[in-house]
């Protein structure tokens, strides 16, 4: 005749009891939403704004004197670049 209590059955029962005890205690305490027991009433929405900056770029061009001799001239060009700035805003619903 087989034994009614085997090591596998006892181990499984102990693990199951520990799991159920932990699950019920965490559900009662409301740990899912920071201890409040209900879901927050807002979401975080990503908002992208742009900050603008000017970058100076130098180029060399060939120019000519009044007598026709060439020379290199350094010309400065500036351009406007957009830098994305990411922030998160609470949106209540």
PDB file of N, CA and C in Angstrom:
ATOM      1  N   UNK A   1       0.837  -1.175   0.000  1.00  0.00           N
ATOM      2  CA  UNK A   1       0.000   0.000   0.000  1.00  0.00           C
ATOM      3  C   UNK A   1       0.885   1.242   0.000  1.00  0.00           C
ATOM      4  N   UNK A   2       0.482   2.210  -0.798  1.00  0.00           N
ATOM      5  CA  UNK A   2       1.267   3.440  -0.883  1.00  0.00           C
ATOM      6  C   UNK A   2       1.001   4.329   0.315  1.00  0.00           C
ATOM      7  N   UNK A   3       1.975   5.130   0.615  1.00  0.00           N
ATOM      8  CA  UNK A   3       1.829   6.045   1.737  1.00  0.00           C
ATOM      9  C   UNK A   3       0.956   7.234   1.330  1.00  0.00           C
ATOM     10  N   UNK A   4       0.137   7.677   2.226  1.00  0.00           N
ATOM     11  CA  UNK A   4      -0.765   8.788   1.942  1.00  0.00           C
ATOM     12  C   UNK A   4       0.003  10.102   1.835  1.00  0.00           C
ATOM     13  N   UNK A   5       1.003  10.286   2.650  1.00  0.00           N
ATOM     14  CA  UNK A   5       1.808  11.505   2.638  1.00  0.00           C
ATOM     15  C   UNK A   5       3.182  11.201   2.070  1.00  0.00           C
ATOM     16  N   UNK A   6       3.461  11.735   0.903  1.00  0.00           N
ATOM     17  CA  UNK A   6       4.789  11.594   0.323  1.00  0.00           C
ATOM     18  C   UNK A   6       5.497  12.941   0.381  1.00  0.00           C
ATOM     19  N   UNK A   7       6.790  12.909   0.172  1.00  0.00           N
ATOM     20  CA  UNK A   7       7.575  14.135   0.238  1.00  0.00           C
ATOM     21  C   UNK A   7       7.131  15.141  -0.831  1.00  0.00           C
ATOM     22  N   UNK A   8       6.807  14.653  -2.022  1.00  0.00           N
ATOM     23  CA  UNK A   8       6.395  15.555  -3.109  1.00  0.00           C
ATOM     24  C   UNK A   8       5.075  16.258  -2.768  1.00  0.00           C
ATOM     25  N   UNK A   9       4.143  15.534  -2.204  1.00  0.00           N
ATOM     26  CA  UNK A   9       2.850  16.124  -1.860  1.00  0.00           C
ATOM     27  C   UNK A   9       2.992  17.155  -0.741  1.00  0.00           C
ATOM     28  N   UNK A  10       3.820  16.850   0.246  1.00  0.00           N
ATOM     29  CA  UNK A  10       4.013  17.789   1.355  1.00  0.00           C
ATOM     30  C   UNK A  10       4.713  19.057   0.876  1.00  0.00           C
ATOM     31  N   UNK A  11       5.725  18.905   0.026  1.00  0.00           N
ATOM     32  CA  UNK A  11       6.450  20.069  -0.503  1.00  0.00           C
ATOM     33  C   UNK A  11       5.526  20.939  -1.361  1.00  0.00           C
ATOM     34  N   UNK A  12       4.712  20.285  -2.201  1.00  0.00           N
ATOM     35  CA  UNK A  12       3.789  21.044  -3.044  1.00  0.00           C
ATOM     36  C   UNK A  12       2.758  21.791  -2.196  1.00  0.00           C
ATOM     37  N   UNK A  13       2.257  21.168  -1.160  1.00  0.00           N
ATOM     38  CA  UNK A  13       1.268  21.811  -0.294  1.00  0.00           C
ATOM     39  C   UNK A  13       1.879  23.000   0.440  1.00  0.00           C
ATOM     40  N   UNK A  14       3.134  22.885   0.871  1.00  0.00           N
ATOM     41  CA  UNK A  14       3.789  23.997   1.568  1.00  0.00           C
ATOM     42  C   UNK A  14       4.012  25.181   0.627  1.00  0.00           C
ATOM     43  N   UNK A  15       4.446  24.910  -0.587  1.00  0.00           N
ATOM     44  CA  UNK A  15       4.672  25.996  -1.562  1.00  0.00           C
ATOM     45  C   UNK A  15       3.359  26.660  -1.934  1.00  0.00           C
ATOM     46  N   UNK A  16       2.309  25.874  -2.133  1.00  0.00           N
ATOM     47  CA  UNK A  16       1.004  26.428  -2.493  1.00  0.00           C
ATOM     48  C   UNK A  16       0.447  27.283  -1.357  1.00  0.00           C
ATOM     49  N   UNK A  17       0.593  26.844  -0.134  1.00  0.00           N
ATOM     50  CA  UNK A  17       0.081  27.609   1.007  1.00  0.00           C
ATOM     51  C   UNK A  17       0.843  28.922   1.166  1.00  0.00           C
ATOM     52  N   UNK A  18       2.153  28.889   0.969  1.00  0.00           N
ATOM     53  CA  UNK A  18       2.951  30.113   1.067  1.00  0.00           C
ATOM     54  C   UNK A  18       2.579  31.091  -0.050  1.00  0.00           C
ATOM     55  N   UNK A  19       2.357  30.581  -1.234  1.00  0.00           N
ATOM     56  CA  UNK A  19       1.972  31.441  -2.349  1.00  0.00           C
ATOM     57  C   UNK A  19       0.617  32.084  -2.148  1.00  0.00           C
ATOM     58  N   UNK A  20      -0.338  31.341  -1.658  1.00  0.00           N
ATOM     59  CA  UNK A  20      -1.665  31.898  -1.411  1.00  0.00           C
ATOM     60  C   UNK A  20      -1.640  32.920  -0.284  1.00  0.00           C
ATOM     61  N   UNK A  21      -0.841  32.684   0.730  1.00  0.00           N
ATOM     62  CA  UNK A  21      -0.737  33.628   1.840  1.00  0.00           C
ATOM     63  C   UNK A  21      -0.137  34.943   1.361  1.00  0.00           C
ATOM     64  N   UNK A  22       0.926  34.855   0.548  1.00  0.00           N
ATOM     65  CA  UNK A  22       1.560  36.071   0.023  1.00  0.00           C
ATOM     66  C   UNK A  22       0.621  36.817  -0.914  1.00  0.00           C
ATOM     67  N   UNK A  23      -0.107  36.112  -1.775  1.00  0.00           N
ATOM     68  CA  UNK A  23      -1.006  36.758  -2.732  1.00  0.00           C
ATOM     69  C   UNK A  23      -2.148  37.469  -2.017  1.00  0.00           C
ATOM     70  N   UNK A  24      -2.697  36.868  -0.988  1.00  0.00           N
ATOM     71  CA  UNK A  24      -3.824  37.498  -0.303  1.00  0.00           C
ATOM     72  C   UNK A  24      -3.371  38.702   0.514  1.00  0.00           C
ATOM     73  N   UNK A  25      -2.164  38.650   1.102  1.00  0.00           N
ATOM     74  CA  UNK A  25      -1.708  39.783   1.910  1.00  0.00           C
ATOM     75  C   UNK A  25      -1.364  40.975   1.030  1.00  0.00           C
ATOM     76  N   UNK A  26      -0.787  40.740  -0.162  1.00  0.00           N
ATOM     77  CA  UNK A  26      -0.460  41.867  -1.028  1.00  0.00           C
ATOM     78  C   UNK A  26      -1.714  42.452  -1.658  1.00  0.00           C
ATOM     79  N   UNK A  27      -2.740  41.631  -1.908  1.00  0.00           N
ATOM     80  CA  UNK A  27      -3.979  42.146  -2.483  1.00  0.00           C
ATOM     81  C   UNK A  27      -4.730  42.986  -1.461  1.00  0.00           C
ATOM     82  N   UNK A  28      -4.693  42.595  -0.194  1.00  0.00           N
ATOM     83  CA  UNK A  28      -5.391  43.348   0.834  1.00  0.00           C
ATOM     84  C   UNK A  28      -4.725  44.688   1.101  1.00  0.00           C
ATOM     85  N   UNK A  29      -3.419  44.724   1.027  1.00  0.00           N
ATOM     86  CA  UNK A  29      -2.702  45.955   1.341  1.00  0.00           C
ATOM     87  C   UNK A  29      -2.789  46.970   0.205  1.00  0.00           C
ATOM     88  N   UNK A  30      -3.148  46.563  -0.998  1.00  0.00           N
ATOM     89  CA  UNK A  30      -3.257  47.491  -2.118  1.00  0.00           C
ATOM     90  C   UNK A  30      -1.910  47.953  -2.629  1.00  0.00           C
ATOM     91  N   UNK A  31      -0.936  47.055  -2.682  1.00  0.00           N
ATOM     92  CA  UNK A  31       0.398  47.428  -3.123  1.00  0.00           C
ATOM     93  C   UNK A  31       0.481  47.712  -4.609  1.00  0.00           C
ATOM     94  N   UNK A  32      -0.537  47.378  -5.368  1.00  0.00           N
ATOM     95  CA  UNK A  32      -0.483  47.551  -6.812  1.00  0.00           C
ATOM     96  C   UNK A  32      -0.428  48.996  -7.243  1.00  0.00           C
ATOM     97  N   UNK A  33      -1.005  49.922  -6.477  1.00  0.00           N
ATOM     98  CA  UNK A  33      -1.054  51.323  -6.872  1.00  0.00           C
ATOM     99  C   UNK A  33      -0.499  52.223  -5.780  1.00  0.00           C
ATOM    100  N   UNK A  34       0.630  51.858  -5.218  1.00  0.00           N
ATOM    101  CA  UNK A  34       1.278  52.710  -4.235  1.00  0.00           C
ATOM    102  C   UNK A  34       0.619  52.681  -2.879  1.00  0.00           C
ATOM    103  N   UNK A  35      -0.148  51.656  -2.554  1.00  0.00           N
ATOM    104  CA  UNK A  35      -0.765  51.534  -1.250  1.00  0.00           C
ATOM    105  C   UNK A  35      -2.112  52.210  -1.134  1.00  0.00           C
ATOM    106  N   UNK A  36      -2.634  52.806  -2.222  1.00  0.00           N
ATOM    107  CA  UNK A  36      -3.918  53.495  -2.148  1.00  0.00           C
ATOM    108  C   UNK A  36      -5.099  52.556  -2.360  1.00  0.00           C
ATOM    109  N   UNK A  37      -4.902  51.475  -3.086  1.00  0.00           N
ATOM    110  CA  UNK A  37      -5.979  50.527  -3.310  1.00  0.00           C
ATOM    111  C   UNK A  37      -6.825  50.857  -4.526  1.00  0.00           C
ATOM    112  N   UNK A  38      -6.533  51.931  -5.233  1.00  0.00           N
ATOM    113  CA  UNK A  38      -7.253  52.255  -6.458  1.00  0.00           C
ATOM    114  C   UNK A  38      -6.258  52.817  -7.462  1.00  0.00           C
ATOM    115  N   UNK A  39      -6.674  52.808  -8.730  1.00  0.00           N
ATOM    116  CA  UNK A  39      -5.787  53.248  -9.804  1.00  0.00           C
ATOM    117  C   UNK A  39      -5.683  54.773  -9.814  1.00  0.00           C
ATOM    118  N   UNK A  40      -4.529  55.324 -10.183  1.00  0.00           N
ATOM    119  CA  UNK A  40      -4.421  56.777 -10.279  1.00  0.00           C
ATOM    120  C   UNK A  40      -5.293  57.308 -11.410  1.00  0.00           C
ATOM    121  N   UNK A  41      -5.718  58.537 -11.295  1.00  0.00           N
ATOM    122  CA  UNK A  41      -6.647  59.119 -12.251  1.00  0.00           C
ATOM    123  C   UNK A  41      -5.948  59.969 -13.307  1.00  0.00           C
ATOM    124  N   UNK A  42      -4.698  59.704 -13.560  1.00  0.00           N
ATOM    125  CA  UNK A  42      -3.975  60.463 -14.581  1.00  0.00           C
ATOM    126  C   UNK A  42      -3.011  59.546 -15.313  1.00  0.00           C
ATOM    127  N   UNK A  43      -2.567  60.043 -16.457  1.00  0.00           N
ATOM    128  CA  UNK A  43      -1.534  59.378 -17.238  1.00  0.00           C
ATOM    129  C   UNK A  43      -0.465  60.411 -17.567  1.00  0.00           C
ATOM    130  N   UNK A  44       0.727  59.941 -17.812  1.00  0.00           N
ATOM    131  CA  UNK A  44       1.802  60.839 -18.208  1.00  0.00           C
ATOM    132  C   UNK A  44       1.886  60.867 -19.724  1.00  0.00           C
ATOM    133  N   UNK A  45       1.749  62.054 -20.283  1.00  0.00           N
ATOM    134  CA  UNK A  45       1.820  62.222 -21.726  1.00  0.00           C
ATOM    135  C   UNK A  45       3.137  62.879 -22.089  1.00  0.00           C
ATOM    136  N   UNK A  46       3.773  62.378 -23.112  1.00  0.00           N
ATOM    137  CA  UNK A  46       5.059  62.901 -23.557  1.00  0.00           C
ATOM    138  C   UNK A  46       4.835  64.132 -24.437  1.00  0.00           C
ATOM    139  N   UNK A  47       5.491  65.232 -24.079  1.00  0.00           N
ATOM    140  CA  UNK A  47       5.367  66.483 -24.826  1.00  0.00           C
ATOM    141  C   UNK A  47       6.762  66.864 -25.319  1.00  0.00           C
ATOM    142  N   UNK A  48       6.882  67.113 -26.603  1.00  0.00           N
ATOM    143  CA  UNK A  48       8.160  67.489 -27.191  1.00  0.00           C
ATOM    144  C   UNK A  48       8.095  68.952 -27.609  1.00  0.00           C
ATOM    145  N   UNK A  49       8.970  69.766 -27.040  1.00  0.00           N
ATOM    146  CA  UNK A  49       9.118  71.153 -27.465  1.00  0.00           C
ATOM    147  C   UNK A  49      10.522  71.310 -28.026  1.00  0.00           C
ATOM    148  N   UNK A  50      10.753  72.393 -28.714  1.00  0.00           N
ATOM    149  CA  UNK A  50      12.034  72.597 -29.374  1.00  0.00           C
ATOM    150  C   UNK A  50      12.694  73.866 -28.870  1.00  0.00           C
ATOM    151  N   UNK A  51      13.974  73.757 -28.604  1.00  0.00           N
ATOM    152  CA  UNK A  51      14.808  74.892 -28.232  1.00  0.00           C
ATOM    153  C   UNK A  51      15.713  75.172 -29.429  1.00  0.00           C
ATOM    154  N   UNK A  52      15.835  76.424 -29.814  1.00  0.00           N
ATOM    155  CA  UNK A  52      16.577  76.770 -31.019  1.00  0.00           C
ATOM    156  C   UNK A  52      17.934  77.355 -30.666  1.00  0.00           C
ATOM    157  N   UNK A  53      18.915  76.996 -31.468  1.00  0.00           N
ATOM    158  CA  UNK A  53      20.270  77.476 -31.267  1.00  0.00           C
ATOM    159  C   UNK A  53      20.861  77.814 -32.628  1.00  0.00           C
ATOM    160  N   UNK A  54      21.795  78.730 -32.643  1.00  0.00           N
ATOM    161  CA  UNK A  54      22.455  79.124 -33.887  1.00  0.00           C
ATOM    162  C   UNK A  54      23.855  78.536 -33.922  1.00  0.00           C
ATOM    163  N   UNK A  55      24.210  77.938 -35.054  1.00  0.00           N
ATOM    164  CA  UNK A  55      25.520  77.336 -35.242  1.00  0.00           C
ATOM    165  C   UNK A  55      26.215  78.078 -36.375  1.00  0.00           C
ATOM    166  N   UNK A  56      27.454  78.462 -36.131  1.00  0.00           N
ATOM    167  CA  UNK A  56      28.221  79.170 -37.155  1.00  0.00           C
ATOM    168  C   UNK A  56      29.057  78.172 -37.933  1.00  0.00           C
ATOM    169  N   UNK A  57      28.977  78.255 -39.255  1.00  0.00           N
ATOM    170  CA  UNK A  57      29.707  77.368 -40.137  1.00  0.00           C
ATOM    171  C   UNK A  57      30.585  78.231 -41.036  1.00  0.00           C
ATOM    172  N   UNK A  58      31.836  77.831 -41.227  1.00  0.00           N
ATOM    173  CA  UNK A  58      32.764  78.600 -42.059  1.00  0.00           C
ATOM    174  C   UNK A  58      33.021  77.862 -43.353  1.00  0.00           C
ATOM    175  N   UNK A  59      33.021  78.634 -44.450  1.00  0.00           N
ATOM    176  CA  UNK A  59      33.310  78.074 -45.770  1.00  0.00           C
ATOM    177  C   UNK A  59      34.344  78.962 -46.448  1.00  0.00           C
ATOM    178  N   UNK A  60      35.121  78.334 -47.305  1.00  0.00           N
ATOM    179  CA  UNK A  60      36.123  79.079 -48.071  1.00  0.00           C
ATOM    180  C   UNK A  60      35.661  79.172 -49.522  1.00  0.00           C
ATOM    181  N   UNK A  61      35.674  80.381 -50.049  1.00  0.00           N
ATOM    182  CA  UNK A  61      35.283  80.624 -51.432  1.00  0.00           C
ATOM    183  C   UNK A  61      36.430  81.347 -52.144  1.00  0.00           C
ATOM    184  N   UNK A  62      36.464  81.202 -53.433  1.00  0.00           N
ATOM    185  CA  UNK A  62      37.487  81.882 -54.230  1.00  0.00           C
ATOM    186  C   UNK A  62      36.930  83.199 -54.725  1.00  0.00           C
ATOM    187  N   UNK A  63      37.650  84.269 -54.441  1.00  0.00           N
ATOM    188  CA  UNK A  63      37.274  85.597 -54.930  1.00  0.00           C
ATOM    189  C   UNK A  63      38.438  86.150 -55.754  1.00  0.00           C
ATOM    190  N   UNK A  64      38.172  87.222 -56.427  1.00  0.00           N
ATOM    191  CA  UNK A  64      39.181  87.788 -57.317  1.00  0.00           C
ATOM    192  C   UNK A  64      39.403  89.266 -56.994  1.00  0.00           C
ATOM    193  N   UNK A  65      40.659  89.671 -57.057  1.00  0.00           N
ATOM    194  CA  UNK A  65      40.987  91.082 -56.906  1.00  0.00           C
ATOM    195  C   UNK A  65      40.539  91.850 -58.149  1.00  0.00           C
ATOM    196  N   UNK A  66      40.651  93.180 -58.101  1.00  0.00           N
ATOM    197  CA  UNK A  66      40.264  94.003 -59.242  1.00  0.00           C
ATOM    198  C   UNK A  66      41.170  93.760 -60.448  1.00  0.00           C
ATOM    199  N   UNK A  67      42.382  93.238 -60.188  1.00  0.00           N
ATOM    200  CA  UNK A  67      43.294  92.973 -61.293  1.00  0.00           C
ATOM    201  C   UNK A  67      43.164  91.544 -61.822  1.00  0.00           C
ATOM    202  N   UNK A  68      42.321  90.716 -61.194  1.00  0.00           N
ATOM    203  CA  UNK A  68      42.063  89.378 -61.704  1.00  0.00           C
ATOM    204  C   UNK A  68      42.794  88.269 -60.985  1.00  0.00           C
ATOM    205  N   UNK A  69      43.567  88.557 -59.961  1.00  0.00           N
ATOM    206  CA  UNK A  69      44.259  87.489 -59.236  1.00  0.00           C
ATOM    207  C   UNK A  69      43.324  86.888 -58.175  1.00  0.00           C
ATOM    208  N   UNK A  70      43.285  85.541 -58.097  1.00  0.00           N
ATOM    209  CA  UNK A  70      42.373  84.886 -57.147  1.00  0.00           C
ATOM    210  C   UNK A  70      42.950  84.854 -55.729  1.00  0.00           C
ATOM    211  N   UNK A  71      42.054  84.788 -54.762  1.00  0.00           N
ATOM    212  CA  UNK A  71      42.428  84.599 -53.358  1.00  0.00           C
ATOM    213  C   UNK A  71      41.296  83.855 -52.645  1.00  0.00           C
ATOM    214  N   UNK A  72      41.647  83.224 -51.510  1.00  0.00           N
ATOM    215  CA  UNK A  72      40.661  82.480 -50.714  1.00  0.00           C
ATOM    216  C   UNK A  72      40.081  83.400 -49.645  1.00  0.00           C
ATOM    217  N   UNK A  73      38.764  83.445 -49.557  1.00  0.00           N
ATOM    218  CA  UNK A  73      38.094  84.253 -48.538  1.00  0.00           C
ATOM    219  C   UNK A  73      37.295  83.318 -47.615  1.00  0.00           C
ATOM    220  N   UNK A  74      37.411  83.570 -46.333  1.00  0.00           N
ATOM    221  CA  UNK A  74      36.657  82.778 -45.348  1.00  0.00           C
ATOM    222  C   UNK A  74      35.346  83.487 -45.058  1.00  0.00           C
ATOM    223  N   UNK A  75      34.230  82.799 -45.340  1.00  0.00           N
ATOM    224  CA  UNK A  75      32.895  83.361 -45.178  1.00  0.00           C
ATOM    225  C   UNK A  75      32.205  82.610 -44.037  1.00  0.00           C
ATOM    226  N   UNK A  76      31.583  83.333 -43.146  1.00  0.00           N
ATOM    227  CA  UNK A  76      30.856  82.732 -42.026  1.00  0.00           C
ATOM    228  C   UNK A  76      29.366  82.682 -42.358  1.00  0.00           C
ATOM    229  N   UNK A  77      28.798  81.492 -42.223  1.00  0.00           N
ATOM    230  CA  UNK A  77      27.364  81.281 -42.398  1.00  0.00           C
ATOM    231  C   UNK A  77      26.804  80.809 -41.060  1.00  0.00           C
ATOM    232  N   UNK A  78      25.667  81.295 -40.685  1.00  0.00           N
ATOM    233  CA  UNK A  78      25.035  80.807 -39.464  1.00  0.00           C
ATOM    234  C   UNK A  78      23.706  80.162 -39.835  1.00  0.00           C
ATOM    235  N   UNK A  79      23.418  79.094 -39.138  1.00  0.00           N
ATOM    236  CA  UNK A  79      22.152  78.408 -39.388  1.00  0.00           C
ATOM    237  C   UNK A  79      21.469  78.122 -38.056  1.00  0.00           C
ATOM    238  N   UNK A  80      20.183  78.020 -38.115  1.00  0.00           N
ATOM    239  CA  UNK A  80      19.365  77.798 -36.930  1.00  0.00           C
ATOM    240  C   UNK A  80      19.031  76.312 -36.841  1.00  0.00           C
ATOM    241  N   UNK A  81      19.353  75.678 -35.693  1.00  0.00           N
ATOM    242  CA  UNK A  81      19.035  74.265 -35.520  1.00  0.00           C
ATOM    243  C   UNK A  81      18.041  74.115 -34.368  1.00  0.00           C
ATOM    244  N   UNK A  82      17.215  73.093 -34.458  1.00  0.00           N
ATOM    245  CA  UNK A  82      16.203  72.812 -33.433  1.00  0.00           C
ATOM    246  C   UNK A  82      16.680  71.657 -32.569  1.00  0.00           C
ATOM    247  N   UNK A  83      16.665  71.842 -31.257  1.00  0.00           N
ATOM    248  CA  UNK A  83      17.054  70.815 -30.298  1.00  0.00           C
ATOM    249  C   UNK A  83      15.788  70.358 -29.579  1.00  0.00           C
ATOM    250  N   UNK A  84      15.401  69.072 -29.717  1.00  0.00           N
ATOM    251  CA  UNK A  84      14.183  68.614 -29.062  1.00  0.00           C
ATOM    252  C   UNK A  84      14.368  68.497 -27.552  1.00  0.00           C
ATOM    253  N   UNK A  85      13.353  68.973 -26.808  1.00  0.00           N
ATOM    254  CA  UNK A  85      13.328  68.880 -25.353  1.00  0.00           C
ATOM    255  C   UNK A  85      12.092  68.068 -24.979  1.00  0.00           C
ATOM    256  N   UNK A  86      12.297  66.936 -24.322  1.00  0.00           N
ATOM    257  CA  UNK A  86      11.204  66.030 -23.976  1.00  0.00           C
ATOM    258  C   UNK A  86      10.814  66.253 -22.515  1.00  0.00           C
ATOM    259  N   UNK A  87       9.522  66.414 -22.266  1.00  0.00           N
ATOM    260  CA  UNK A  87       9.016  66.519 -20.907  1.00  0.00           C
ATOM    261  C   UNK A  87       7.720  65.704 -20.821  1.00  0.00           C
ATOM    262  N   UNK A  88       7.344  65.345 -19.601  1.00  0.00           N
ATOM    263  CA  UNK A  88       6.139  64.557 -19.370  1.00  0.00           C
ATOM    264  C   UNK A  88       5.155  65.375 -18.540  1.00  0.00           C
ATOM    265  N   UNK A  89       3.897  65.381 -18.976  1.00  0.00           N
ATOM    266  CA  UNK A  89       2.850  66.172 -18.345  1.00  0.00           C
ATOM    267  C   UNK A  89       1.753  65.227 -17.874  1.00  0.00           C
ATOM    268  N   UNK A  90       1.222  65.497 -16.672  1.00  0.00           N
ATOM    269  CA  UNK A  90       0.099  64.714 -16.169  1.00  0.00           C
ATOM    270  C   UNK A  90      -1.167  65.110 -16.901  1.00  0.00           C
ATOM    271  N   UNK A  91      -1.873  64.126 -17.454  1.00  0.00           N
ATOM    272  CA  UNK A  91      -3.139  64.354 -18.123  1.00  0.00           C
ATOM    273  C   UNK A  91      -4.201  63.633 -17.304  1.00  0.00           C
ATOM    274  N   UNK A  92      -5.079  64.398 -16.701  1.00  0.00           N
ATOM    275  CA  UNK A  92      -6.129  63.826 -15.847  1.00  0.00           C
ATOM    276  C   UNK A  92      -7.301  63.402 -16.711  1.00  0.00           C
ATOM    277  N   UNK A  93      -7.922  62.298 -16.370  1.00  0.00           N
ATOM    278  CA  UNK A  93      -9.101  61.834 -17.102  1.00  0.00           C
ATOM    279  C   UNK A  93     -10.210  61.467 -16.165  1.00  0.00           C
TER     280      UNK A  93
END
